[in-house]
């Protein structure tokens, strides 16, 4: 009995020591998936993003992160398909009407997938604040892309973001998605919106100084939206500072580059 105990004890210790490492490996894997989604979005490479659809789309309602990242991927594809949802939309050259029609059809399909995948993530974990906030953004976009969905999607979008804020009032991605929603559907003045984006950027800085988070995206986008807000308010110097910060974080971010070009060329 004693011999068996002394043999089993080291095994228990090994398992206990390895468990955090296994957890870190799993998180690293999702951080890699997140990095690939973000890079494809920053470089506006829809083809590389579509290559991620199949491995993430396999039905696994018990894996909240897999469903979450499938939703994030669908959200990114929607943003690329519908330029009007982008911070730098005004800097783009208008596309032919026929191409716009095709893009909007693709955007509607992607955003429906976003809502569906995040339903799966929330079935796996009902208090997953990141998933609630992202689904809120997707529902709002769905209401804009499919007018017949508006009576259902708009109030549900509001419900989901309020739940997310109650659960995680200092989660930077929750705050960012709320700020974007407020900016695109203003209830106050532009100065208040810019102050909100500035606060979001500061919260991201605190998160970036900590250990890696899963999910962990959003810092470059926060500075890009802050830059757009300052630009819309006529504060070119503040806009430049914010956009340069975004490009320090993500040098390949095409939207930030276009917005910065409108300042440097003007």
Protein backbone atom coordinates (compact mmCIF):
# COMPACT_ATOMS: atom_id res chain seq x y z
CA UNK A 1 0.00 0.00 0.00
CA UNK A 2 2.78 2.44 0.93
CA UNK A 3 4.75 1.54 -2.18
CA UNK A 4 1.73 2.14 -4.35
CA UNK A 5 1.16 5.47 -2.62
CA UNK A 6 4.71 6.67 -3.28
CA UNK A 7 4.50 5.58 -6.91
CA UNK A 8 1.17 7.36 -7.47
CA UNK A 9 2.12 10.55 -5.65
CA UNK A 10 4.73 11.71 -8.21
CA UNK A 11 2.23 10.96 -11.00
CA UNK A 12 -0.35 13.15 -9.29
CA UNK A 13 2.22 15.92 -8.96
CA UNK A 14 3.20 15.63 -12.62
CA UNK A 15 -0.42 15.88 -13.73
CA UNK A 16 -0.95 18.89 -11.45
CA UNK A 17 2.15 20.60 -12.83
CA UNK A 18 1.25 19.86 -16.44
CA UNK A 19 -2.38 20.97 -16.21
CA UNK A 20 -1.64 24.73 -16.43
CA UNK A 21 0.74 24.08 -19.34
CA UNK A 22 -1.95 22.13 -21.17
CA UNK A 23 -4.35 25.01 -20.59
CA UNK A 24 -1.78 27.48 -21.93
CA UNK A 25 -1.26 25.32 -25.04
CA UNK A 26 -5.00 25.32 -25.70
CA UNK A 27 -5.12 29.09 -25.30
CA UNK A 28 -2.11 29.54 -27.56
CA UNK A 29 -3.91 27.57 -30.24
CA UNK A 30 -6.90 29.93 -30.07
CA UNK A 31 -4.61 32.94 -30.02
CA UNK A 32 -3.07 31.61 -33.23
CA UNK A 33 -6.52 31.29 -34.81
CA UNK A 34 -7.36 34.80 -33.62
CA UNK A 35 -4.11 36.15 -35.09
CA UNK A 36 -4.92 34.59 -38.47
CA UNK A 37 -8.42 36.07 -38.44
CA UNK A 38 -7.08 39.48 -37.46
CA UNK A 39 -4.30 39.44 -40.05
CA UNK A 40 -6.73 38.51 -42.81
CA UNK A 41 -9.02 41.32 -41.69
CA UNK A 42 -6.25 43.90 -41.38
CA UNK A 43 -4.88 43.05 -44.84
CA UNK A 44 -8.43 42.75 -46.25
CA UNK A 45 -7.65 39.29 -47.55
CA UNK A 46 -11.11 37.73 -47.73
CA UNK A 47 -9.71 34.66 -49.50
CA UNK A 48 -7.47 33.72 -46.56
CA UNK A 49 -10.37 34.30 -44.18
CA UNK A 50 -12.65 32.01 -46.20
CA UNK A 51 -10.01 29.29 -45.88
CA UNK A 52 -10.65 29.35 -42.13
CA UNK A 53 -14.41 28.89 -42.46
CA UNK A 54 -14.47 25.11 -42.85
CA UNK A 55 -12.24 24.18 -39.88
CA UNK A 56 -14.14 26.56 -37.59
CA UNK A 57 -17.63 25.81 -38.92
CA UNK A 58 -17.75 22.15 -37.83
CA UNK A 59 -20.63 21.79 -35.40
CA UNK A 60 -19.32 21.57 -31.83
CA UNK A 61 -21.74 23.38 -29.55
CA UNK A 62 -19.75 22.35 -26.46
CA UNK A 63 -16.67 24.38 -27.46
CA UNK A 64 -17.47 27.99 -26.66
CA UNK A 65 -14.22 29.35 -28.10
CA UNK A 66 -14.55 27.47 -31.38
CA UNK A 67 -18.07 28.83 -31.83
CA UNK A 68 -16.92 32.30 -30.73
CA UNK A 69 -14.09 32.42 -33.26
CA UNK A 70 -16.40 31.10 -35.98
CA UNK A 71 -18.62 34.06 -35.12
CA UNK A 72 -15.70 36.49 -35.14
CA UNK A 73 -14.62 35.16 -38.54
CA UNK A 74 -18.14 35.66 -39.93
CA UNK A 75 -18.18 39.18 -38.46
CA UNK A 76 -14.87 40.03 -40.15
CA UNK A 77 -16.06 38.65 -43.50
CA UNK A 78 -19.19 40.78 -43.19
CA UNK A 79 -17.14 43.92 -42.58
CA UNK A 80 -15.02 43.22 -45.65
CA UNK A 81 -18.08 42.47 -47.80
CA UNK A 82 -19.90 45.65 -46.70
CA UNK A 83 -17.42 48.57 -46.72
CA UNK A 84 -20.00 50.94 -45.20
CA UNK A 85 -19.46 49.17 -41.87
CA UNK A 86 -15.75 50.07 -41.86
CA UNK A 87 -14.09 53.03 -40.12
CA UNK A 88 -12.38 54.03 -43.39
CA UNK A 89 -15.41 53.57 -45.63
CA UNK A 90 -15.28 57.18 -46.83
CA UNK A 91 -11.74 56.68 -48.08
CA UNK A 92 -12.71 53.85 -50.43
CA UNK A 93 -13.50 54.24 -54.10
CA UNK A 94 -17.23 53.55 -54.72
CA UNK A 95 -17.79 50.12 -56.22
CA UNK A 96 -20.05 49.33 -59.19
CA UNK A 97 -23.68 48.79 -58.22
CA UNK A 98 -23.72 45.15 -59.35
CA UNK A 99 -20.67 44.35 -57.25
CA UNK A 100 -22.23 46.16 -54.30
CA UNK A 101 -25.37 44.03 -54.63
CA UNK A 102 -23.27 40.85 -54.61
CA UNK A 103 -21.23 42.10 -51.66
CA UNK A 104 -24.36 42.91 -49.66
CA UNK A 105 -25.73 39.44 -50.34
CA UNK A 106 -22.47 37.94 -49.06
CA UNK A 107 -22.57 40.26 -46.06
CA UNK A 108 -26.11 39.17 -45.16
CA UNK A 109 -25.14 35.52 -45.35
CA UNK A 110 -22.02 36.04 -43.23
CA UNK A 111 -23.80 38.05 -40.56
CA UNK A 112 -26.51 35.40 -40.23
CA UNK A 113 -23.74 32.87 -39.63
CA UNK A 114 -22.24 35.19 -37.02
CA UNK A 115 -25.47 35.27 -35.01
CA UNK A 116 -25.90 31.49 -35.32
CA UNK A 117 -22.34 30.63 -34.23
CA UNK A 118 -22.58 32.94 -31.24
CA UNK A 119 -25.85 31.29 -30.25
CA UNK A 120 -23.81 28.07 -30.00
CA UNK A 121 -21.13 29.80 -27.92
CA UNK A 122 -23.78 31.12 -25.55
CA UNK A 123 -25.43 27.73 -25.28
CA UNK A 124 -22.06 26.43 -24.07
CA UNK A 125 -21.61 29.38 -21.66
CA UNK A 126 -24.55 31.71 -21.15
CA UNK A 127 -22.48 34.35 -19.29
CA UNK A 128 -19.78 34.63 -22.00
CA UNK A 129 -19.58 38.44 -22.15
CA UNK A 130 -17.38 38.58 -25.25
CA UNK A 131 -19.88 36.44 -27.17
CA UNK A 132 -22.84 38.52 -25.98
CA UNK A 133 -21.18 41.76 -27.13
CA UNK A 134 -20.11 40.38 -30.49
CA UNK A 135 -23.57 38.94 -31.10
CA UNK A 136 -25.04 42.35 -30.29
CA UNK A 137 -22.89 43.89 -33.03
CA UNK A 138 -23.84 41.16 -35.48
CA UNK A 139 -27.55 41.54 -34.71
CA UNK A 140 -27.37 45.28 -35.33
CA UNK A 141 -25.66 44.70 -38.66
CA UNK A 142 -28.26 42.05 -39.51
CA UNK A 143 -31.04 44.57 -38.88
CA UNK A 144 -29.34 46.98 -41.30
CA UNK A 145 -28.69 44.40 -44.00
CA UNK A 146 -32.10 42.69 -43.77
CA UNK A 147 -34.83 45.21 -42.98
CA UNK A 148 -37.43 42.51 -42.30
CA UNK A 149 -35.20 41.28 -39.43
CA UNK A 150 -35.12 44.71 -37.75
CA UNK A 151 -38.10 44.23 -35.37
CA UNK A 152 -36.41 41.12 -33.97
CA UNK A 153 -32.71 41.92 -34.31
CA UNK A 154 -32.57 45.49 -32.97
CA UNK A 155 -34.12 44.89 -29.52
CA UNK A 156 -32.16 41.66 -29.11
CA UNK A 157 -28.96 43.51 -29.98
CA UNK A 158 -29.70 46.00 -27.20
CA UNK A 159 -30.44 43.20 -24.74
CA UNK A 160 -27.20 41.36 -25.50
CA UNK A 161 -24.92 44.37 -25.12
CA UNK A 162 -26.57 45.31 -21.82
CA UNK A 163 -26.05 41.78 -20.52
CA UNK A 164 -22.41 41.90 -21.60
CA UNK A 165 -21.85 45.22 -19.82
CA UNK A 166 -23.44 43.91 -16.63
CA UNK A 167 -21.24 40.81 -16.70
CA UNK A 168 -17.98 42.48 -17.71
CA UNK A 169 -18.10 46.30 -17.38
CA UNK A 170 -14.30 46.60 -17.91
CA UNK A 171 -13.92 44.12 -20.75
CA UNK A 172 -12.32 46.20 -23.54
CA UNK A 173 -13.98 44.28 -26.40
CA UNK A 174 -17.39 44.72 -24.82
CA UNK A 175 -16.69 48.45 -24.40
CA UNK A 176 -15.36 48.75 -27.96
CA UNK A 177 -18.38 47.10 -29.56
CA UNK A 178 -20.72 49.25 -27.47
CA UNK A 179 -18.80 52.39 -28.49
CA UNK A 180 -18.93 51.44 -32.18
CA UNK A 181 -22.67 50.86 -31.92
CA UNK A 182 -23.18 54.23 -30.22
CA UNK A 183 -21.03 55.98 -32.82
CA UNK A 184 -22.86 54.45 -35.78
CA UNK A 185 -26.25 55.09 -34.15
CA UNK A 186 -25.54 58.31 -32.22
CA UNK A 187 -27.56 59.32 -29.20
CA UNK A 188 -25.27 62.18 -28.15
CA UNK A 189 -22.63 64.43 -29.71
CA UNK A 190 -19.40 63.46 -31.45
CA UNK A 191 -17.23 64.67 -28.57
CA UNK A 192 -18.88 62.22 -26.19
CA UNK A 193 -18.28 59.38 -28.67
CA UNK A 194 -14.59 60.30 -28.99
CA UNK A 195 -14.25 60.32 -25.21
CA UNK A 196 -15.74 56.84 -25.10
CA UNK A 197 -13.25 55.53 -27.69
CA UNK A 198 -10.41 57.15 -25.76
CA UNK A 199 -11.51 55.34 -22.61
CA UNK A 200 -11.75 52.06 -24.53
CA UNK A 201 -8.20 52.52 -25.85
CA UNK A 202 -6.94 53.11 -22.30
CA UNK A 203 -8.64 49.92 -21.07
CA UNK A 204 -6.99 48.01 -23.90
CA UNK A 205 -3.60 49.39 -22.85
CA UNK A 206 -4.13 47.97 -19.38
CA UNK A 207 -5.08 44.59 -20.83
CA UNK A 208 -2.07 44.58 -23.17
CA UNK A 209 0.23 45.11 -20.17
CA UNK A 210 -1.21 41.99 -18.55
CA UNK A 211 -0.93 38.34 -19.61
CA UNK A 212 -2.37 37.21 -22.94
CA UNK A 213 -6.15 37.12 -22.98
CA UNK A 214 -8.41 34.82 -24.97
CA UNK A 215 -10.11 36.54 -26.76
CA UNK A 216 -7.54 39.31 -27.02
CA UNK A 217 -8.32 41.27 -30.21
CA UNK A 218 -9.44 44.89 -30.47
CA UNK A 219 -6.66 47.29 -29.49
CA UNK A 220 -5.74 48.41 -33.03
CA UNK A 221 -9.43 48.77 -33.91
CA UNK A 222 -10.02 50.94 -30.83
CA UNK A 223 -7.34 53.41 -31.91
CA UNK A 224 -8.59 53.36 -35.50
CA UNK A 225 -12.13 54.22 -34.44
CA UNK A 226 -10.72 56.90 -32.13
CA UNK A 227 -8.81 58.32 -35.09
CA UNK A 228 -11.91 58.32 -37.27
CA UNK A 229 -13.88 60.03 -34.53
CA UNK A 230 -11.27 62.77 -34.13
CA UNK A 231 -11.11 63.16 -37.91
CA UNK A 232 -14.88 63.54 -38.14
CA UNK A 233 -14.68 66.12 -35.35
CA UNK A 234 -12.04 68.11 -37.25
CA UNK A 235 -9.15 67.36 -34.89
CA UNK A 236 -6.50 66.22 -37.38
CA UNK A 237 -3.59 66.18 -34.93
CA UNK A 238 -5.38 63.95 -32.42
CA UNK A 239 -6.56 61.74 -35.27
CA UNK A 240 -2.99 61.34 -36.53
CA UNK A 241 -1.74 60.35 -33.08
CA UNK A 242 -4.47 57.73 -32.67
CA UNK A 243 -3.97 56.25 -36.14
CA UNK A 244 -0.20 56.10 -35.74
CA UNK A 245 -0.78 54.22 -32.49
CA UNK A 246 -3.09 51.79 -34.30
CA UNK A 247 -0.37 51.15 -36.89
CA UNK A 248 2.25 50.56 -34.21
CA UNK A 249 0.04 47.75 -32.93
CA UNK A 250 -0.96 46.44 -36.39
CA UNK A 251 1.29 47.88 -39.14
CA UNK A 252 -0.68 45.99 -41.81
CA UNK A 253 -4.06 47.54 -40.86
CA UNK A 254 -5.36 48.85 -44.19
CA UNK A 255 -8.22 50.90 -42.75
CA UNK A 256 -5.91 52.82 -40.42
CA UNK A 257 -3.50 53.46 -43.30
CA UNK A 258 -6.26 54.89 -45.50
CA UNK A 259 -7.53 57.16 -42.74
CA UNK A 260 -4.00 58.38 -42.02
CA UNK A 261 -3.48 59.04 -45.73
CA UNK A 262 -6.47 61.39 -45.76
CA UNK A 263 -4.63 63.50 -43.18
CA UNK A 264 -1.14 63.42 -44.67
CA UNK A 265 -2.38 64.07 -48.23
CA UNK A 266 -4.67 66.93 -47.22
